[in-house]
Structure formats: C-alpha cells, structure tokens
Amino acid sequence: MDILSFFAERFDLPILEWIAEHLHCAFLDTLMPLITLLGDAGIFWILCAAALLFFPKYRKIGLGMGAALIIGLLLCNVTLKPLVARIRPYDYQLLHFGKTVELLVATPHDFSFPSGHTIASFEAATVLLINNRKLGIPAMILAVLIAFSRLYLYVHYPTDVLASVALGIGIAFLGNFLVSKAFYLWKNRISKEA
C-alpha cells in the first residue's frame, strides 16, 4: 500500500464518510454547491483582486493577491496536480471498494491533490488578512467554507484540503512579500530620481 492509499483508507475516507452520514441535509446539499462555485477556477478571488486595483488605497493588496494566485496556479495546478496524480475520493471508492458515490456537483476530471479551490481561497484571504483585517476576516471565513465544501461534496480528501490550506497561506506570504518588496524598490527609485 502506497502512502496516498494509506492516508486515504486510514484517515481521509473515514472523515468523508462521517461527513456524509452526519452532516448531509437538504439545506447544505443546496448551499455547499453554491459555496464551492465561488472557488471555481479562482474566478471570485481573481475578480476581487482586479477590483482592488481600481482603488489606490487597496492597489498593493490587489497586486499581492494577484501574485499569490499566479504563483499558486503555477505551483499547484500546473506542477503538483499532474506530478502527484492522486485520484479523486469518489474514484478511489469505486476502484477499491466498488462503492459509487453520488455527487452533488459536476464530476471533476482532473487530479485531487492539491485542492485548487482551497489554495486560491487561502492565498487571497490570507493576503487580505495580512493587509486589512476588515476585509480579511470575512474573506477567511469564506475560504474556510469553500475548503469545507470540497469535503462535503466528496471531491477532495481531507489531506488534500489540509495541505492546500498550508500551501495557500505560504504562497500568500510569498506573493505579499514580493509585491511589498517591489513597491519598496519602486518608491526608493522614484525618490532618488526626484
């Protein structure tokens, strides 16, 4: 048994099954697909970052979010997903146990690790939280809800989501640092030229 199968069977699937047995209800079955939709392709967070660019007071935050989202896309979706090539939990259930899991959303056709929804959400929310608590706290609550929705909908393993939270936060700090450094260098250059 490889390490991913070990975690899937000993840790991940029991949690997903507990969620399915104890938390599923008509209200959440309607709400969770809507919440997860906010994380699709990072579009909500991209639009937030773009909107912030129009306000000079928030432009640096928008650039930090954008930098984090681009780094996350390249590192996680382009590099890690095909490299790790972890099958989705519903596919694992079918392949190893012959169990069909009925999904509440369209079946994703890419790999499971890491969770792009979770990474993008925590990248954006963390940059917001670092720079502006008023914007950051509700963004972080939404990021947590989006991450949980991936488990509720049975499209990611808990280990996917936990690792993605850590990666998203780390990438957010990196993106924020790079933009802050660029702003600092740009301001120094302008002041020297003046």
Protein backbone atom coordinates (compact mmCIF):
# COMPACT_ATOMS: atom_id res chain seq x y z
CA MET A 1 0.00 0.00 0.00
CA ASP A 2 1.48 3.36 -1.05
CA ILE A 3 1.41 6.42 1.21
CA LEU A 4 -1.58 8.05 -0.54
CA SER A 5 -3.66 4.87 -0.24
CA PHE A 6 -2.64 4.55 3.41
CA PHE A 7 -3.89 8.07 4.19
CA ALA A 8 -6.99 7.58 2.05
CA GLU A 9 -8.10 4.43 3.87
CA ARG A 10 -6.92 5.18 7.42
CA PHE A 11 -7.68 8.90 7.64
CA ASP A 12 -9.40 10.52 4.66
CA LEU A 13 -12.26 8.23 3.73
CA PRO A 14 -13.49 7.72 7.32
CA ILE A 15 -13.77 11.52 7.68
CA LEU A 16 -15.58 11.89 4.36
CA GLU A 17 -17.95 9.08 5.32
CA TRP A 18 -18.62 10.71 8.72
CA ILE A 19 -19.46 13.99 6.97
CA ALA A 20 -21.75 12.16 4.55
CA GLU A 21 -23.54 10.27 7.34
CA HIS A 22 -23.83 13.02 9.96
CA LEU A 23 -23.84 16.42 8.23
CA HIS A 24 -25.68 15.94 4.95
CA CYS A 25 -29.08 17.59 4.83
CA ALA A 26 -31.27 19.28 2.22
CA PHE A 27 -30.14 22.77 3.25
CA LEU A 28 -26.41 22.01 2.99
CA ASP A 29 -26.95 19.93 -0.16
CA THR A 30 -28.22 23.15 -1.75
CA LEU A 31 -25.77 25.56 -0.08
CA MET A 32 -22.45 23.72 -0.49
CA PRO A 33 -22.52 23.54 -4.32
CA LEU A 34 -23.16 27.30 -4.36
CA ILE A 35 -20.29 27.98 -1.96
CA THR A 36 -17.91 25.75 -3.90
CA LEU A 37 -18.89 27.63 -7.07
CA LEU A 38 -17.20 30.73 -5.61
CA GLY A 39 -13.89 28.85 -5.75
CA ASP A 40 -14.24 27.57 -9.32
CA ALA A 41 -11.07 28.45 -11.24
CA GLY A 42 -10.36 31.11 -8.60
CA ILE A 43 -12.63 33.47 -10.56
CA PHE A 44 -14.23 35.07 -7.48
CA TRP A 45 -10.80 35.79 -5.97
CA ILE A 46 -9.39 37.00 -9.30
CA LEU A 47 -12.31 39.42 -9.63
CA CYS A 48 -11.74 40.63 -6.05
CA ALA A 49 -8.05 41.23 -6.76
CA ALA A 50 -8.89 43.04 -10.01
CA ALA A 51 -11.50 45.22 -8.27
CA LEU A 52 -8.95 46.28 -5.63
CA LEU A 53 -6.62 47.52 -8.37
CA PHE A 54 -9.06 50.34 -9.15
CA PHE A 55 -8.58 51.88 -5.70
CA PRO A 56 -5.14 53.38 -4.99
CA LYS A 57 -5.55 52.63 -1.26
CA TYR A 58 -6.02 48.90 -1.99
CA ARG A 59 -3.91 48.53 -5.15
CA LYS A 60 -0.98 46.90 -3.34
CA ILE A 61 -3.35 44.34 -1.76
CA GLY A 62 -4.85 43.55 -5.16
CA LEU A 63 -1.38 43.05 -6.64
CA GLY A 64 -0.39 40.84 -3.70
CA MET A 65 -3.49 38.70 -4.22
CA GLY A 66 -2.79 38.52 -7.94
CA ALA A 67 0.84 37.50 -7.39
CA ALA A 68 -0.20 34.79 -4.91
CA LEU A 69 -2.88 33.46 -7.26
CA ILE A 70 -0.43 33.26 -10.18
CA ILE A 71 2.24 31.51 -8.07
CA GLY A 72 -0.39 29.10 -6.75
CA LEU A 73 -1.66 28.31 -10.24
CA LEU A 74 1.85 27.51 -11.49
CA LEU A 75 3.00 25.58 -8.43
CA CYS A 76 -0.16 23.68 -7.58
CA ASN A 77 -2.39 23.26 -10.62
CA VAL A 78 0.29 23.15 -13.31
CA THR A 79 3.04 21.32 -11.36
CA LEU A 80 1.77 19.38 -8.32
CA LYS A 81 -1.56 18.04 -9.64
CA PRO A 82 -0.04 16.09 -12.57
CA LEU A 83 3.08 15.20 -10.57
CA VAL A 84 1.21 13.65 -7.61
CA ALA A 85 -1.66 12.38 -9.82
CA ARG A 86 -3.92 11.46 -6.90
CA ILE A 87 -7.30 10.13 -7.96
CA ARG A 88 -10.43 11.71 -6.51
CA PRO A 89 -12.03 10.10 -3.43
CA TYR A 90 -15.19 9.04 -5.29
CA ASP A 91 -12.98 7.27 -7.88
CA TYR A 92 -10.97 5.64 -5.08
CA GLN A 93 -14.18 4.33 -3.51
CA LEU A 94 -15.31 2.85 -6.83
CA LEU A 95 -11.91 1.42 -7.79
CA HIS A 96 -11.01 -0.14 -4.42
CA PHE A 97 -14.36 -0.86 -2.79
CA GLY A 98 -16.87 -0.95 -5.66
CA LYS A 99 -18.84 1.85 -3.99
CA THR A 100 -20.49 4.51 -6.14
CA VAL A 101 -20.64 7.98 -4.59
CA GLU A 102 -23.41 10.21 -5.91
CA LEU A 103 -22.01 13.71 -6.36
CA LEU A 104 -23.96 16.95 -5.92
CA VAL A 105 -21.74 18.75 -8.46
CA ALA A 106 -20.38 18.00 -11.92
CA THR A 107 -17.66 15.36 -11.79
CA PRO A 108 -14.18 16.98 -11.83
CA HIS A 109 -11.90 15.40 -14.42
CA ASP A 110 -8.51 16.46 -13.05
CA PHE A 111 -6.49 15.05 -10.16
CA SER A 112 -7.33 15.55 -6.49
CA PHE A 113 -4.14 16.87 -4.90
CA PRO A 114 -3.91 19.72 -4.17
CA SER A 115 -7.30 21.42 -3.96
CA GLY A 116 -7.21 24.41 -6.30
CA HIS A 117 -10.36 25.86 -4.73
CA THR A 118 -8.77 25.75 -1.27
CA ILE A 119 -5.37 27.08 -2.31
CA ALA A 120 -6.78 30.03 -4.25
CA SER A 121 -9.18 30.87 -1.40
CA PHE A 122 -6.48 30.82 1.28
CA GLU A 123 -4.00 32.70 -0.89
CA ALA A 124 -6.45 35.55 -1.46
CA ALA A 125 -7.94 35.57 2.04
CA THR A 126 -4.51 35.49 3.71
CA VAL A 127 -3.20 38.42 1.66
CA LEU A 128 -6.34 40.34 2.61
CA LEU A 129 -5.94 39.41 6.28
CA ILE A 130 -2.27 40.42 6.35
CA ASN A 131 -3.07 43.86 4.97
CA ASN A 132 -6.62 44.64 6.09
CA ARG A 133 -8.40 42.79 8.89
CA LYS A 134 -11.82 44.24 7.97
CA LEU A 135 -11.62 42.64 4.54
CA GLY A 136 -9.52 39.68 5.66
CA ILE A 137 -11.77 38.21 8.35
CA PRO A 138 -14.86 37.71 6.15
CA ALA A 139 -12.60 36.51 3.32
CA MET A 140 -11.04 33.95 5.65
CA ILE A 141 -14.49 32.74 6.77
CA LEU A 142 -15.43 32.30 3.10
CA ALA A 143 -12.13 30.47 2.43
CA VAL A 144 -12.88 28.03 5.27
CA LEU A 145 -16.40 27.45 3.90
CA ILE A 146 -15.07 26.83 0.39
CA ALA A 147 -12.47 24.39 1.74
CA PHE A 148 -15.12 22.54 3.77
CA SER A 149 -17.43 22.43 0.74
CA ARG A 150 -14.80 20.36 -1.10
CA LEU A 151 -15.06 17.72 1.63
CA TYR A 152 -18.84 17.92 1.91
CA LEU A 153 -19.12 17.39 -1.84
CA TYR A 154 -16.74 14.38 -1.68
CA VAL A 155 -14.42 15.79 -4.37
CA HIS A 156 -11.28 16.08 -2.20
CA TYR A 157 -9.65 14.17 0.62
CA PRO A 158 -9.13 15.93 3.98
CA THR A 159 -5.36 15.63 3.47
CA ASP A 160 -5.74 17.44 0.12
CA VAL A 161 -7.56 20.28 1.85
CA LEU A 162 -5.23 20.50 4.88
CA ALA A 163 -2.12 20.55 2.69
CA SER A 164 -3.79 23.10 0.42
CA VAL A 165 -4.57 25.40 3.35
CA ALA A 166 -0.89 25.32 4.36
CA LEU A 167 0.28 25.84 0.77
CA GLY A 168 -2.21 28.66 0.22
CA ILE A 169 -1.10 30.51 3.35
CA GLY A 170 2.59 30.06 2.50
CA ILE A 171 2.08 31.22 -1.09
CA ALA A 172 0.09 34.23 0.17
CA PHE A 173 3.01 35.33 2.35
CA LEU A 174 5.38 34.88 -0.60
CA GLY A 175 3.16 36.84 -3.02
CA ASN A 176 2.60 39.59 -0.47
CA PHE A 177 6.35 39.80 0.26
CA LEU A 178 7.28 40.01 -3.43
CA VAL A 179 4.78 42.80 -4.09
CA SER A 180 5.82 44.69 -0.93
CA LYS A 181 9.47 44.40 -1.97
CA ALA A 182 8.66 45.63 -5.50
CA PHE A 183 6.73 48.61 -4.07
CA TYR A 184 9.63 49.43 -1.75
CA LEU A 185 12.18 49.33 -4.58
CA TRP A 186 9.91 51.37 -6.85
CA LYS A 187 9.36 54.07 -4.19
CA ASN A 188 13.12 54.25 -3.50
CA ARG A 189 13.84 54.64 -7.21
CA ILE A 190 11.23 57.40 -7.57
CA SER A 191 12.57 59.26 -4.51
CA LYS A 192 16.15 59.07 -5.86
CA GLU A 193 15.07 60.43 -9.23
CA ALA A 194 13.14 63.32 -7.64
